[in-house]
Amino acid sequence: MKIDPKAIKRVLVIGLSCLGDMLLASAALWNLRLYLKEAHFTLWVGPRALGAVEGDPLWDEVVLYDRQGEYAGLRGRAKAIRWMRRGLYDLIVDLRSTLMPLLSGARFAPLWGFRGVLAPKGIHEAERNIAAVASLGVPIAVRRLRFYVPQSARDAADRLIGPALKGRPLVVLNPSGSIPEKRWPVERFSGLGLCLAERYGAAVGVLGYLEREIELAKAVLEALGGNGLDLTGRHSLPLVGAFLERSALFVTNDTGTLHVASALMTPTVGIYLLRNAARFGPWGGPHVVVASLVDDVREIPLEQVAEACDFLLGESGT
């Protein structure tokens, strides 16, 4: 389906539930926005992914779309369709690949799910989304992910960590992860942090948001001693973005925060299961993927990740 930009005044994008997935769609949506500069854009986004787009001036309206709450079940879907029809949208893009846009009354209601059929096998998810928007006749002007960091978040980051850096480069570690097999051991994150502090004189920040993640981060910080910088807590995502924006290196397990770093072009070492790396690894920006040849990243040795860090820090001249 090719869309006619002259016929589109109102656009609805139905977003995704996970932060990482929403960020991997951001390059495609950015191109769509650039193509339809005069249109009014509304984004419906799930609670966990809201931080990927909330506050970004690129979008006119961001609405919470909770499929586990207000819009749960068949009754919730029916309510969503009613809201779509009331919105009088000319174009509806459903990143969830459902058939709901066909019932919306929108003039253009492409079936986004066909991107999986039309796209070549083995390509990255960000590229898959870009191919989908290009199939609508949208010219591709940018190929990077997007994440908006407001100046207020940068100012807050300066206040929180600026004095502690004392001119040293910042390296950020993220030992978080919900699945044990996708979580590199805490003791290796600790060893890596000590190694980078010694080799590069780096201040080593450690992230942790949820209670269990904070426990993991505190174990790393304890091992780092005076070289550690506590970045744990329920910080807003833009503030985390501001931390990453000023980082010389980010080392992380397979989490949504990795894609924030990719969008900000922060040099990143991503620790992945081999089966997930090609499609869901870092996209854009300087990066190295360290992938486990077995289905457990706990088997990856410290030396392999340290080598990837050396490569990126050497490339940046740190």
Protein backbone atom coordinates (compact mmCIF):
# COMPACT_ATOMS: atom_id res chain seq x y z
CA MET A 1 0.00 0.00 0.00
CA LYS A 2 1.30 3.46 -0.96
CA ILE A 3 0.03 6.40 1.08
CA ASP A 4 -0.84 9.83 -0.33
CA PRO A 5 0.74 12.52 1.89
CA LYS A 6 -1.66 15.17 0.60
CA ALA A 7 -4.62 13.17 1.91
CA ILE A 8 -3.24 12.63 5.42
CA LYS A 9 -3.95 15.18 8.14
CA ARG A 10 -4.29 12.92 11.20
CA VAL A 11 -2.12 9.90 12.00
CA LEU A 12 -2.43 7.30 14.76
CA VAL A 13 0.44 4.98 15.62
CA ILE A 14 -0.41 2.07 17.90
CA GLY A 15 2.83 1.34 19.70
CA LEU A 16 4.37 -1.63 21.44
CA SER A 17 4.54 -2.92 25.00
CA CYS A 18 8.31 -3.22 25.53
CA LEU A 19 10.78 -0.35 25.69
CA GLY A 20 13.29 -2.07 23.42
CA ASP A 21 10.73 -2.97 20.77
CA MET A 22 9.40 0.60 20.70
CA LEU A 23 12.89 2.01 20.29
CA LEU A 24 13.62 -0.43 17.47
CA ALA A 25 10.61 1.02 15.65
CA SER A 26 11.72 4.61 16.24
CA ALA A 27 13.80 4.98 13.06
CA ALA A 28 10.85 3.91 10.91
CA LEU A 29 8.47 6.27 12.73
CA TRP A 30 10.95 9.14 12.46
CA ASN A 31 10.98 8.75 8.69
CA LEU A 32 7.17 8.63 8.61
CA ARG A 33 7.03 11.86 10.61
CA LEU A 34 9.52 13.57 8.30
CA TYR A 35 7.40 12.55 5.29
CA LEU A 36 4.14 13.78 6.85
CA LYS A 37 5.44 17.03 8.32
CA GLU A 38 2.09 18.80 8.48
CA ALA A 39 0.06 15.90 9.90
CA HIS A 40 -1.03 15.62 13.53
CA PHE A 41 0.54 12.50 15.10
CA THR A 42 -0.98 10.62 18.02
CA LEU A 43 0.90 7.69 19.57
CA TRP A 44 -0.76 5.03 21.71
CA VAL A 45 1.95 3.33 23.78
CA GLY A 46 2.04 0.64 26.47
CA PRO A 47 3.13 1.52 30.03
CA ARG A 48 6.58 -0.09 29.83
CA ALA A 49 7.36 1.58 26.50
CA LEU A 50 6.00 5.03 27.33
CA GLY A 51 9.42 6.40 28.20
CA ALA A 52 10.63 5.79 24.63
CA VAL A 53 8.44 8.59 23.25
CA GLU A 54 7.00 10.61 26.13
CA GLY A 55 8.11 14.24 26.06
CA ASP A 56 9.55 14.00 22.55
CA PRO A 57 8.50 17.14 20.62
CA LEU A 58 8.39 15.09 17.43
CA TRP A 59 4.94 13.83 18.46
CA ASP A 60 1.84 15.93 18.97
CA GLU A 61 0.11 13.61 21.42
CA VAL A 62 1.19 10.51 23.40
CA VAL A 63 -1.55 8.44 25.03
CA LEU A 64 -1.21 5.51 27.43
CA TYR A 65 -2.60 2.37 25.81
CA ASP A 66 -2.71 -0.34 28.47
CA ARG A 67 -3.81 -3.66 26.99
CA GLN A 68 -3.61 -5.28 30.40
CA GLY A 69 -5.77 -2.63 32.02
CA GLU A 70 -8.31 -0.30 30.43
CA TYR A 71 -8.05 -1.94 27.00
CA ALA A 72 -7.82 -5.57 28.12
CA GLY A 73 -9.75 -8.38 26.43
CA LEU A 74 -12.38 -8.18 23.71
CA ARG A 75 -14.23 -5.38 25.47
CA GLY A 76 -11.04 -3.34 25.61
CA ARG A 77 -10.32 -3.94 21.92
CA ALA A 78 -13.84 -2.83 21.05
CA LYS A 79 -13.31 0.34 23.09
CA ALA A 80 -10.03 1.00 21.26
CA ILE A 81 -11.74 0.63 17.89
CA ARG A 82 -14.44 3.09 18.95
CA TRP A 83 -11.75 5.61 19.92
CA MET A 84 -10.02 5.07 16.59
CA ARG A 85 -13.22 5.81 14.69
CA ARG A 86 -13.92 8.92 16.76
CA GLY A 87 -10.42 10.20 16.03
CA LEU A 88 -11.15 10.41 12.30
CA TYR A 89 -7.61 9.35 11.45
CA ASP A 90 -6.49 9.29 7.84
CA LEU A 91 -3.66 6.84 8.52
CA ILE A 92 -3.35 4.21 11.24
CA VAL A 93 -0.13 2.24 11.69
CA ASP A 94 -0.43 -0.63 14.17
CA LEU A 95 3.05 -1.77 15.17
CA ARG A 96 1.41 -4.71 16.95
CA SER A 97 0.38 -6.10 13.55
CA THR A 98 -3.27 -6.62 14.48
CA LEU A 99 -6.26 -6.26 12.17
CA MET A 100 -7.85 -3.45 14.22
CA PRO A 101 -6.94 -0.68 11.73
CA LEU A 102 -9.19 -2.35 9.14
CA LEU A 103 -12.15 -1.61 11.44
CA SER A 104 -11.13 1.98 12.17
CA GLY A 105 -12.58 3.74 9.17
CA ALA A 106 -9.15 5.21 8.32
CA ARG A 107 -8.47 5.86 4.65
CA PHE A 108 -5.06 4.20 4.93
CA ALA A 109 -4.80 1.18 7.21
CA PRO A 110 -1.73 -0.85 6.16
CA LEU A 111 -1.21 -4.29 7.63
CA TRP A 112 2.15 -3.77 9.32
CA GLY A 113 2.44 -7.50 9.99
CA PHE A 114 3.26 -8.18 6.36
CA ARG A 115 6.70 -6.65 7.00
CA GLY A 116 7.74 -10.05 8.34
CA VAL A 117 6.66 -11.71 5.10
CA LEU A 118 8.19 -9.16 2.73
CA ALA A 119 11.45 -8.44 4.54
CA PRO A 120 14.51 -10.62 3.88
CA LYS A 121 15.23 -13.22 6.53
CA GLY A 122 17.92 -12.53 9.10
CA ILE A 123 17.78 -8.74 9.02
CA HIS A 124 17.78 -6.57 12.11
CA GLU A 125 14.43 -5.59 13.65
CA ALA A 126 15.13 -1.88 13.09
CA GLU A 127 15.80 -2.58 9.41
CA ARG A 128 12.64 -4.68 9.22
CA ASN A 129 10.62 -1.71 10.49
CA ILE A 130 12.35 0.67 8.08
CA ALA A 131 11.50 -1.69 5.21
CA ALA A 132 7.88 -1.70 6.34
CA VAL A 133 7.57 2.09 6.31
CA ALA A 134 9.41 2.26 2.97
CA SER A 135 6.78 -0.10 1.52
CA LEU A 136 4.23 2.71 2.13
CA GLY A 137 6.16 4.93 -0.27
CA VAL A 138 7.96 6.82 2.51
CA PRO A 139 11.47 7.96 1.50
CA ILE A 140 14.12 6.91 4.02
CA ALA A 141 15.98 9.99 5.24
CA VAL A 142 17.43 8.67 8.53
CA ARG A 143 18.52 5.20 9.59
CA ARG A 144 19.27 5.75 13.28
CA LEU A 145 17.09 5.12 16.28
CA ARG A 146 15.60 8.09 18.10
CA PHE A 147 15.51 8.92 21.80
CA TYR A 148 14.87 12.45 23.04
CA VAL A 149 16.86 13.81 25.99
CA PRO A 150 15.57 17.21 27.21
CA GLN A 151 17.99 19.83 28.48
CA SER A 152 16.47 19.52 31.94
CA ALA A 153 17.65 15.89 32.10
CA ARG A 154 21.16 16.90 30.99
CA ASP A 155 21.25 19.58 33.69
CA ALA A 156 20.11 17.07 36.32
CA ALA A 157 22.79 14.59 35.21
CA ASP A 158 25.44 17.29 35.50
CA ARG A 159 24.35 18.06 39.04
CA LEU A 160 24.24 14.40 40.06
CA ILE A 161 27.41 13.04 38.52
CA GLY A 162 29.44 15.96 37.19
CA PRO A 163 31.33 16.67 40.44
CA ALA A 164 32.04 12.96 40.98
CA LEU A 165 33.68 12.52 37.58
CA LYS A 166 36.44 15.10 38.23
CA GLY A 167 37.45 15.05 34.59
CA ARG A 168 37.53 11.26 34.32
CA PRO A 169 35.78 9.41 31.49
CA LEU A 170 32.52 7.76 32.47
CA VAL A 171 31.91 4.07 31.82
CA VAL A 172 28.43 2.74 32.65
CA LEU A 173 27.68 -0.91 33.46
CA ASN A 174 24.22 -2.48 33.45
CA PRO A 175 24.19 -5.91 35.13
CA SER A 176 20.37 -6.05 35.03
CA GLY A 177 18.27 -8.62 33.22
CA SER A 178 15.16 -10.63 34.03
CA ILE A 179 16.35 -13.99 32.64
CA PRO A 180 19.39 -15.62 34.33
CA GLU A 181 20.68 -17.11 31.06
CA LYS A 182 20.78 -13.59 29.55
CA ARG A 183 22.52 -12.03 32.56
CA TRP A 184 26.33 -11.91 32.63
CA PRO A 185 27.58 -12.72 36.17
CA VAL A 186 27.88 -9.89 38.66
CA GLU A 187 31.41 -10.88 39.62
CA ARG A 188 32.52 -10.48 35.98
CA PHE A 189 30.89 -7.05 35.75
CA SER A 190 32.82 -6.21 38.93
CA GLY A 191 36.09 -7.47 37.49
CA LEU A 192 35.47 -5.60 34.26
CA GLY A 193 34.76 -2.35 36.11
CA LEU A 194 37.97 -2.64 38.11
CA CYS A 195 39.91 -3.37 34.91
CA LEU A 196 38.50 -0.32 33.09
CA ALA A 197 39.07 1.94 36.07
CA GLU A 198 42.72 0.88 36.19
CA ARG A 199 43.41 1.01 32.44
CA TYR A 200 41.55 4.20 31.56
CA GLY A 201 41.17 6.05 34.84
CA ALA A 202 37.42 5.76 34.37
CA ALA A 203 34.66 6.45 36.83
CA VAL A 204 32.43 3.38 36.62
CA GLY A 205 28.71 4.04 36.97
CA VAL A 206 26.33 1.16 37.63
CA LEU A 207 22.64 1.20 36.70
CA GLY A 208 19.79 -0.58 38.48
CA TYR A 209 16.10 0.36 38.48
CA LEU A 210 13.94 -2.36 40.04
CA GLU A 211 14.67 -3.75 43.50
CA ARG A 212 16.32 -6.93 42.19
CA GLU A 213 18.37 -4.90 39.70
CA ILE A 214 19.53 -2.58 42.47
CA GLU A 215 20.73 -5.60 44.45
CA LEU A 216 22.85 -6.71 41.49
CA ALA A 217 24.19 -3.18 41.01
CA LYS A 218 25.07 -2.76 44.69
CA ALA A 219 27.16 -5.94 44.56
CA VAL A 220 29.14 -4.48 41.65
CA LEU A 221 29.49 -1.10 43.39
CA GLU A 222 30.78 -2.75 46.56
CA ALA A 223 33.53 -4.47 44.56
CA LEU A 224 34.43 -1.22 42.77
CA GLY A 225 34.92 0.73 45.98
CA GLY A 226 36.06 4.29 45.31
CA ASN A 227 35.94 3.76 41.55
CA GLY A 228 32.18 3.14 41.60
CA LEU A 229 29.47 5.69 40.87
CA ASP A 230 25.99 4.77 42.07
CA LEU A 231 23.44 5.41 39.30
CA THR A 232 20.79 3.12 40.78
CA GLY A 233 17.24 4.11 41.61
CA ARG A 234 13.98 4.89 39.90
CA HIS A 235 15.42 7.56 37.64
CA SER A 236 13.35 8.77 34.71
CA LEU A 237 14.38 7.32 31.39
CA PRO A 238 15.47 10.74 30.04
CA LEU A 239 17.84 11.06 33.01
CA VAL A 240 19.28 7.61 32.28
CA GLY A 241 19.62 8.80 28.69
CA ALA A 242 21.55 11.84 29.91
CA PHE A 243 23.92 9.55 31.84
CA LEU A 244 24.49 7.46 28.73
CA GLU A 245 24.83 10.48 26.48
CA ARG A 246 27.93 11.61 28.33
CA SER A 247 29.40 8.10 28.69
CA ALA A 248 32.55 6.98 26.89
CA LEU A 249 31.27 3.38 27.01
CA PHE A 250 28.18 1.41 28.01
CA VAL A 251 28.40 -2.32 28.81
CA THR A 252 25.08 -4.08 29.19
CA ASN A 253 23.11 -7.26 29.05
CA ASP A 254 20.28 -7.61 26.52
CA THR A 255 17.85 -4.97 27.87
CA GLY A 256 15.85 -2.07 26.50
CA THR A 257 18.37 0.41 27.87
CA LEU A 258 20.87 -0.82 25.28
CA HIS A 259 18.69 0.65 22.53
CA VAL A 260 18.58 4.00 24.33
CA ALA A 261 22.38 3.99 24.09
CA SER A 262 22.23 3.04 20.40
CA ALA A 263 19.89 5.95 19.70
CA LEU A 264 22.30 8.32 21.48
CA MET A 265 25.32 6.90 19.57
CA THR A 266 27.01 5.88 22.83
CA PRO A 267 29.77 3.27 22.24
CA THR A 268 28.20 0.05 23.48
CA VAL A 269 29.22 -3.50 24.27
CA GLY A 270 26.11 -5.70 24.19
CA ILE A 271 26.21 -9.13 25.84
CA TYR A 272 23.81 -11.43 24.00
CA LEU A 273 22.63 -14.94 23.34
CA LEU A 274 23.75 -15.79 19.83
CA ARG A 275 20.19 -16.47 18.63
CA ASN A 276 19.08 -12.93 19.60
CA ALA A 277 22.11 -10.89 18.56
CA ALA A 278 21.57 -10.49 14.80
CA ARG A 279 17.95 -9.36 15.01
CA PHE A 280 17.80 -7.54 18.35
CA GLY A 281 21.36 -6.38 19.02
CA PRO A 282 22.64 -2.77 18.94
CA TRP A 283 21.64 -0.73 15.90
CA GLY A 284 23.79 2.21 14.81
CA GLY A 285 26.54 3.91 16.72
CA PRO A 286 29.88 2.32 17.64
CA HIS A 287 29.21 -1.09 19.13
CA VAL A 288 30.51 -4.61 19.61
CA VAL A 289 28.27 -7.60 20.30
CA VAL A 290 29.74 -10.33 22.49
CA ALA A 291 27.55 -13.38 21.93
CA SER A 292 27.46 -16.70 23.71
CA LEU A 293 27.87 -19.74 21.48
CA VAL A 294 25.66 -21.64 23.92
CA ASP A 295 22.29 -20.53 25.29
CA ASP A 296 23.80 -18.95 28.40
CA VAL A 297 25.79 -15.71 28.51
CA ARG A 298 27.18 -16.78 31.88
CA GLU A 299 29.69 -18.81 29.88
CA ILE A 300 31.27 -15.70 28.31
CA PRO A 301 34.71 -15.04 29.87
CA LEU A 302 35.71 -11.70 31.30
CA GLU A 303 38.61 -11.39 28.85
CA GLN A 304 36.29 -11.49 25.84
CA VAL A 305 34.18 -8.57 27.05
CA ALA A 306 37.27 -6.62 28.18
CA GLU A 307 38.73 -6.98 24.69
CA ALA A 308 35.55 -5.51 23.17
CA CYS A 309 35.75 -2.60 25.63
CA ASP A 310 39.39 -1.96 24.75
CA PHE A 311 38.50 -1.86 21.07
CA LEU A 312 35.77 0.75 21.52
CA LEU A 313 37.69 2.90 23.99
CA GLY A 314 40.69 2.79 21.70
CA GLU A 315 38.56 3.85 18.75
CA SER A 316 37.22 6.82 20.72
CA GLY A 317 40.70 7.88 21.80
CA THR A 318 39.86 7.57 25.50
